[in-house]
Amino acid sequence: MVEQDNGLAGPERWEVYFEGHVQGVGFRYTTRHIAAGFVVSGYVKNLPDGRVLLVIKGMPEEMDRLLEAIQKAMGRYIRRSIRHQSPATGEFRGFEIRFS
């Protein structure tokens, strides 16, 4: 059997930490609304230190487009974002806001 490399990577899991004035401005709700237009799953939540955490699973190209859309909509509130990548897990069904 011959394996074919079609150049397509598999799904990944990204944790993106947003810093700036990202709480109290509708960031989570806007992110959930934007994410509904993409083939991703995961969640967004506020962190006690004032940052917002976005955890998403999907194809890297789709997640890049999602982050671009979030930046376009909420960029005025974002000072910096940090992304950590890891292999995808099957832990998510849909996209949600988490409160704890």
Protein backbone atom coordinates (compact mmCIF):
# COMPACT_ATOMS: atom_id res chain seq x y z
CA MET A 1 0.00 0.00 0.00
CA VAL A 2 1.33 3.42 -0.95
CA GLU A 3 0.62 6.39 1.30
CA GLN A 4 -0.12 9.60 -0.48
CA ASP A 5 0.96 12.97 0.84
CA ASN A 6 -1.60 15.41 -0.46
CA GLY A 7 -0.13 18.29 1.53
CA LEU A 8 -3.11 18.43 3.86
CA ALA A 9 -2.35 18.39 7.56
CA GLY A 10 -4.72 16.80 10.03
CA PRO A 11 -6.77 18.64 12.62
CA GLU A 12 -4.97 20.41 15.44
CA ARG A 13 -5.86 21.79 18.86
CA TRP A 14 -4.89 25.40 19.55
CA GLU A 15 -4.96 27.34 22.79
CA VAL A 16 -4.93 31.07 22.11
CA TYR A 17 -4.50 33.53 24.97
CA PHE A 18 -5.71 37.06 24.23
CA GLU A 19 -4.32 39.92 26.29
CA GLY A 20 -5.44 43.54 26.42
CA HIS A 21 -8.83 45.01 27.22
CA VAL A 22 -10.58 41.76 26.29
CA GLN A 23 -13.03 41.33 29.17
CA GLY A 24 -16.22 43.33 29.53
CA VAL A 25 -16.36 44.19 25.81
CA GLY A 26 -18.38 41.25 24.45
CA PHE A 27 -15.28 39.35 23.36
CA ARG A 28 -16.59 35.87 24.21
CA TYR A 29 -19.99 36.42 22.61
CA THR A 30 -18.46 37.94 19.49
CA THR A 31 -16.02 35.04 19.25
CA ARG A 32 -18.84 32.50 19.59
CA HIS A 33 -20.80 34.28 16.87
CA ILE A 34 -17.78 34.36 14.53
CA ALA A 35 -16.86 30.73 15.25
CA ALA A 36 -20.33 29.63 14.11
CA GLY A 37 -19.24 30.47 10.56
CA PHE A 38 -16.21 28.17 10.66
CA VAL A 39 -15.66 24.42 10.82
CA VAL A 40 -14.14 24.42 14.31
CA SER A 41 -15.10 23.22 17.76
CA GLY A 42 -14.01 24.28 21.20
CA TYR A 43 -14.71 27.06 23.67
CA VAL A 44 -13.86 30.55 24.81
CA LYS A 45 -13.70 31.74 28.42
CA ASN A 46 -12.49 34.58 30.62
CA LEU A 47 -9.48 33.91 32.83
CA PRO A 48 -9.09 35.34 36.35
CA ASP A 49 -6.00 37.32 35.30
CA GLY A 50 -7.93 39.41 32.73
CA ARG A 51 -7.04 37.40 29.63
CA VAL A 52 -9.42 35.42 27.42
CA LEU A 53 -8.65 31.82 26.47
CA LEU A 54 -9.80 30.40 23.15
CA VAL A 55 -9.42 26.63 22.73
CA ILE A 56 -10.21 25.38 19.24
CA LYS A 57 -9.92 22.20 17.23
CA GLY A 58 -9.96 22.08 13.46
CA MET A 59 -7.88 22.22 10.35
CA PRO A 60 -5.05 24.77 10.66
CA GLU A 61 -6.17 26.81 7.64
CA GLU A 62 -9.70 27.11 9.02
CA MET A 63 -8.44 28.12 12.46
CA ASP A 64 -6.13 30.72 10.89
CA ARG A 65 -9.14 32.23 9.12
CA LEU A 66 -11.09 32.22 12.39
CA LEU A 67 -8.29 34.07 14.18
CA GLU A 68 -8.13 36.60 11.35
CA ALA A 69 -11.88 37.20 11.69
CA ILE A 70 -11.59 37.64 15.46
CA GLN A 71 -8.70 40.07 14.94
CA LYS A 72 -10.74 42.04 12.42
CA ALA A 73 -13.76 42.27 14.73
CA MET A 74 -12.01 42.68 18.10
CA GLY A 75 -8.49 43.82 17.24
CA ARG A 76 -8.91 47.20 18.91
CA TYR A 77 -9.14 45.36 22.26
CA ILE A 78 -6.31 42.89 21.69
CA ARG A 79 -2.82 43.94 22.73
CA ARG A 80 -1.23 40.55 22.18
CA SER A 81 -2.16 36.94 21.52
CA ILE A 82 -0.15 33.81 22.24
CA ARG A 83 -0.89 30.51 20.53
CA HIS A 84 0.03 26.99 21.66
CA GLN A 85 -0.49 24.10 19.23
CA SER A 86 -0.94 20.41 19.97
CA PRO A 87 -2.49 17.37 18.27
CA ALA A 88 -6.28 17.38 18.13
CA THR A 89 -8.28 15.42 20.64
CA GLY A 90 -11.90 14.38 20.31
CA GLU A 91 -12.97 16.31 23.38
CA PHE A 92 -15.20 18.97 21.77
CA ARG A 93 -18.65 18.89 20.24
CA GLY A 94 -19.59 22.30 18.89
CA PHE A 95 -18.38 25.66 20.13
CA GLU A 96 -19.40 27.24 23.42
CA ILE A 97 -18.71 29.89 26.00
CA ARG A 98 -17.47 28.45 29.27
CA PHE A 99 -17.94 30.28 32.51
CA SER A 100 -15.58 28.36 34.81
